[in-house]
N, C-alpha and C. Protein backbone atom coordinates (compact mmCIF):
# COMPACT_ATOMS: atom_id res chain seq x y z
N MET A 1 16.24 7.53 -131.32
CA MET A 1 15.90 8.86 -131.85
C MET A 1 15.93 8.78 -133.37
N SER A 2 14.97 9.35 -134.01
CA SER A 2 14.93 9.31 -135.46
C SER A 2 15.95 10.24 -136.02
N ALA A 3 16.43 9.93 -137.26
CA ALA A 3 17.43 10.72 -137.92
C ALA A 3 16.94 12.17 -138.11
N SER A 4 15.64 12.37 -138.35
CA SER A 4 15.18 13.68 -138.60
C SER A 4 15.23 14.56 -137.36
N ILE A 5 15.02 14.00 -136.18
CA ILE A 5 15.13 14.73 -134.96
C ILE A 5 16.59 15.12 -134.74
N LYS A 6 17.49 14.17 -134.85
CA LYS A 6 18.93 14.44 -134.72
C LYS A 6 19.33 15.52 -135.68
N GLN A 7 18.90 15.41 -136.92
CA GLN A 7 19.30 16.44 -137.90
C GLN A 7 18.75 17.79 -137.52
N GLU A 8 17.54 17.90 -137.05
CA GLU A 8 16.96 19.16 -136.66
C GLU A 8 17.77 19.76 -135.48
N ILE A 9 18.14 18.91 -134.51
CA ILE A 9 18.95 19.42 -133.40
C ILE A 9 20.28 19.95 -133.89
N ILE A 10 20.91 19.21 -134.76
CA ILE A 10 22.22 19.68 -135.29
C ILE A 10 22.04 20.99 -136.05
N GLU A 11 21.00 21.10 -136.83
CA GLU A 11 20.76 22.33 -137.62
C GLU A 11 20.55 23.52 -136.67
N GLN A 12 19.81 23.31 -135.60
CA GLN A 12 19.55 24.39 -134.64
C GLN A 12 20.86 24.72 -133.88
N LEU A 13 21.63 23.72 -133.52
CA LEU A 13 22.87 23.97 -132.82
C LEU A 13 23.87 24.77 -133.66
N ASP A 14 23.90 24.48 -134.93
CA ASP A 14 24.79 25.20 -135.84
C ASP A 14 24.49 26.70 -135.90
N LYS A 15 23.26 27.09 -135.52
CA LYS A 15 22.89 28.49 -135.54
C LYS A 15 23.31 29.22 -134.29
N LEU A 16 23.71 28.49 -133.26
CA LEU A 16 24.03 29.11 -131.98
C LEU A 16 25.50 29.38 -131.80
N PRO A 17 25.84 30.43 -131.05
CA PRO A 17 27.26 30.63 -130.72
C PRO A 17 27.74 29.51 -129.80
N ILE A 18 29.05 29.32 -129.74
CA ILE A 18 29.65 28.20 -128.99
C ILE A 18 29.22 28.18 -127.54
N GLU A 19 29.07 29.37 -126.92
CA GLU A 19 28.67 29.42 -125.49
C GLU A 19 27.30 28.78 -125.31
N LEU A 20 26.37 29.07 -126.23
CA LEU A 20 25.04 28.46 -126.12
C LEU A 20 25.05 27.01 -126.49
N GLN A 21 25.91 26.64 -127.42
CA GLN A 21 26.05 25.22 -127.73
C GLN A 21 26.52 24.40 -126.49
N MET A 22 27.40 25.01 -125.74
CA MET A 22 27.89 24.37 -124.50
C MET A 22 26.76 24.23 -123.51
N ARG A 23 25.89 25.23 -123.42
CA ARG A 23 24.75 25.14 -122.51
C ARG A 23 23.79 24.04 -122.94
N VAL A 24 23.59 23.90 -124.25
CA VAL A 24 22.74 22.82 -124.75
C VAL A 24 23.38 21.48 -124.40
N LEU A 25 24.69 21.37 -124.55
CA LEU A 25 25.38 20.13 -124.23
C LEU A 25 25.26 19.82 -122.74
N ASP A 26 25.41 20.83 -121.89
CA ASP A 26 25.25 20.60 -120.46
C ASP A 26 23.83 20.13 -120.14
N PHE A 27 22.85 20.74 -120.78
CA PHE A 27 21.43 20.35 -120.60
C PHE A 27 21.22 18.91 -121.04
N ALA A 28 21.81 18.54 -122.18
CA ALA A 28 21.63 17.16 -122.67
C ALA A 28 22.24 16.17 -121.68
N HIS A 29 23.42 16.52 -121.11
CA HIS A 29 24.03 15.65 -120.13
C HIS A 29 23.13 15.51 -118.89
N ALA A 30 22.54 16.58 -118.45
CA ALA A 30 21.68 16.57 -117.29
C ALA A 30 20.44 15.67 -117.59
N LEU A 31 19.91 15.75 -118.79
CA LEU A 31 18.79 14.91 -119.15
C LEU A 31 19.15 13.44 -119.10
N VAL A 32 20.33 13.09 -119.61
CA VAL A 32 20.76 11.70 -119.63
C VAL A 32 20.94 11.20 -118.19
N ILE A 33 21.53 12.00 -117.34
CA ILE A 33 21.75 11.60 -115.95
C ILE A 33 20.41 11.38 -115.22
N SER A 34 19.47 12.19 -115.47
CA SER A 34 18.17 12.10 -114.76
C SER A 34 17.18 11.16 -115.40
N ALA A 35 17.54 10.58 -116.54
CA ALA A 35 16.62 9.68 -117.25
C ALA A 35 16.41 8.43 -116.44
N PRO A 36 15.18 7.89 -116.43
CA PRO A 36 14.95 6.67 -115.67
C PRO A 36 15.79 5.52 -116.22
N ARG A 37 16.25 4.71 -115.31
CA ARG A 37 17.07 3.55 -115.69
C ARG A 37 16.50 2.31 -115.04
N GLY A 38 17.00 1.20 -115.49
CA GLY A 38 16.66 -0.04 -114.83
C GLY A 38 15.43 -0.67 -115.44
N THR A 39 14.93 -1.66 -114.73
CA THR A 39 13.81 -2.45 -115.22
C THR A 39 12.63 -2.21 -114.28
N PRO A 40 11.45 -1.94 -114.81
CA PRO A 40 10.28 -1.75 -113.97
C PRO A 40 10.04 -3.02 -113.13
N GLY A 41 9.60 -2.84 -111.91
CA GLY A 41 9.34 -3.97 -111.02
C GLY A 41 8.41 -5.00 -111.59
N LYS A 42 7.39 -4.56 -112.33
CA LYS A 42 6.44 -5.50 -112.84
C LYS A 42 7.09 -6.47 -113.83
N ASN A 43 8.20 -6.07 -114.43
CA ASN A 43 8.92 -6.98 -115.35
C ASN A 43 9.77 -7.99 -114.58
N LEU A 44 9.94 -7.78 -113.31
CA LEU A 44 10.76 -8.69 -112.50
C LEU A 44 9.93 -9.73 -111.73
N LEU A 45 8.62 -9.54 -111.76
CA LEU A 45 7.77 -10.45 -110.98
C LEU A 45 7.93 -11.92 -111.36
N ARG A 46 8.36 -12.19 -112.60
CA ARG A 46 8.51 -13.60 -112.98
C ARG A 46 9.61 -14.28 -112.22
N PHE A 47 10.48 -13.48 -111.57
CA PHE A 47 11.61 -14.08 -110.80
C PHE A 47 11.23 -14.30 -109.32
N ALA A 48 10.03 -13.84 -108.94
CA ALA A 48 9.62 -13.98 -107.54
C ALA A 48 9.60 -15.47 -107.12
N GLY A 49 10.17 -15.72 -105.97
CA GLY A 49 10.15 -17.08 -105.43
C GLY A 49 11.26 -18.00 -105.98
N MET A 50 12.15 -17.46 -106.76
CA MET A 50 13.19 -18.29 -107.38
C MET A 50 14.39 -18.54 -106.50
N ILE A 51 14.55 -17.73 -105.44
CA ILE A 51 15.68 -17.91 -104.52
C ILE A 51 15.18 -18.78 -103.36
N ASP A 52 15.92 -19.87 -103.08
CA ASP A 52 15.42 -20.76 -102.03
C ASP A 52 15.63 -20.14 -100.66
N GLU A 53 14.87 -20.66 -99.71
CA GLU A 53 14.80 -20.05 -98.40
C GLU A 53 16.15 -20.05 -97.67
N GLU A 54 16.97 -21.07 -97.84
CA GLU A 54 18.23 -21.10 -97.19
C GLU A 54 19.14 -19.95 -97.66
N ASP A 55 19.12 -19.71 -98.98
CA ASP A 55 19.91 -18.57 -99.51
C ASP A 55 19.37 -17.25 -99.06
N LEU A 56 18.05 -17.14 -98.95
CA LEU A 56 17.47 -15.91 -98.43
C LEU A 56 17.90 -15.65 -96.98
N ASN A 57 17.92 -16.71 -96.20
CA ASN A 57 18.36 -16.57 -94.81
C ASN A 57 19.81 -16.15 -94.74
N LEU A 58 20.66 -16.70 -95.59
CA LEU A 58 22.05 -16.30 -95.63
C LEU A 58 22.23 -14.81 -96.03
N MET A 59 21.45 -14.40 -96.99
CA MET A 59 21.49 -13.03 -97.43
C MET A 59 21.00 -12.10 -96.29
N GLU A 60 19.95 -12.48 -95.63
CA GLU A 60 19.45 -11.64 -94.54
C GLU A 60 20.46 -11.53 -93.42
N LYS A 61 21.12 -12.60 -93.08
CA LYS A 61 22.14 -12.59 -92.05
C LYS A 61 23.31 -11.69 -92.43
N ALA A 62 23.75 -11.80 -93.69
CA ALA A 62 24.86 -10.95 -94.15
C ALA A 62 24.47 -9.47 -94.12
N ILE A 63 23.27 -9.17 -94.44
CA ILE A 63 22.80 -7.77 -94.37
C ILE A 63 22.78 -7.26 -92.94
N GLU A 64 22.22 -8.09 -92.08
CA GLU A 64 22.14 -7.72 -90.66
C GLU A 64 23.52 -7.54 -90.05
N GLU A 65 24.47 -8.36 -90.43
CA GLU A 65 25.83 -8.27 -89.85
C GLU A 65 26.70 -7.18 -90.49
N GLY A 66 26.45 -6.89 -91.74
CA GLY A 66 27.33 -5.99 -92.44
C GLY A 66 26.83 -4.59 -92.75
N CYS A 67 25.54 -4.40 -92.55
CA CYS A 67 24.96 -3.11 -92.95
C CYS A 67 24.59 -2.29 -91.72
N GLU A 68 24.37 -1.04 -91.97
CA GLU A 68 23.92 -0.06 -90.95
C GLU A 68 24.91 0.05 -89.79
N ARG A 69 26.16 -0.12 -90.10
CA ARG A 69 27.20 0.09 -89.09
C ARG A 69 27.99 1.35 -89.51
N ILE A 70 28.40 2.07 -88.55
CA ILE A 70 29.16 3.31 -88.79
C ILE A 70 30.60 3.11 -88.29
N ASP A 71 31.53 3.38 -89.17
CA ASP A 71 32.95 3.34 -88.85
C ASP A 71 33.35 4.79 -88.69
N GLU A 72 33.38 5.22 -87.42
CA GLU A 72 33.65 6.65 -87.16
C GLU A 72 35.04 7.07 -87.54
N SER A 73 35.97 6.15 -87.70
CA SER A 73 37.32 6.53 -88.12
C SER A 73 37.48 6.50 -89.62
N GLU A 74 36.42 6.16 -90.32
CA GLU A 74 36.52 6.09 -91.78
C GLU A 74 36.73 7.47 -92.44
N TRP A 75 36.12 8.47 -91.89
CA TRP A 75 36.22 9.83 -92.44
C TRP A 75 37.33 10.52 -91.78
């Protein structure tokens, strides 16, 4: 973010009562939480095929054995 945008936000916030400043802060937090994260898939294509088949089979077996099970006494 450029310094001028930050400065403009600060100047506008200074004009608001504390209650509205808190609403702006809550809104900013919500924006940060909903902002896209991670790496786009197209940037990961260069890694395709780098895991050997034996490791893929081990990973698949671990997923099949450990996932999608419900422990009814957990809750």
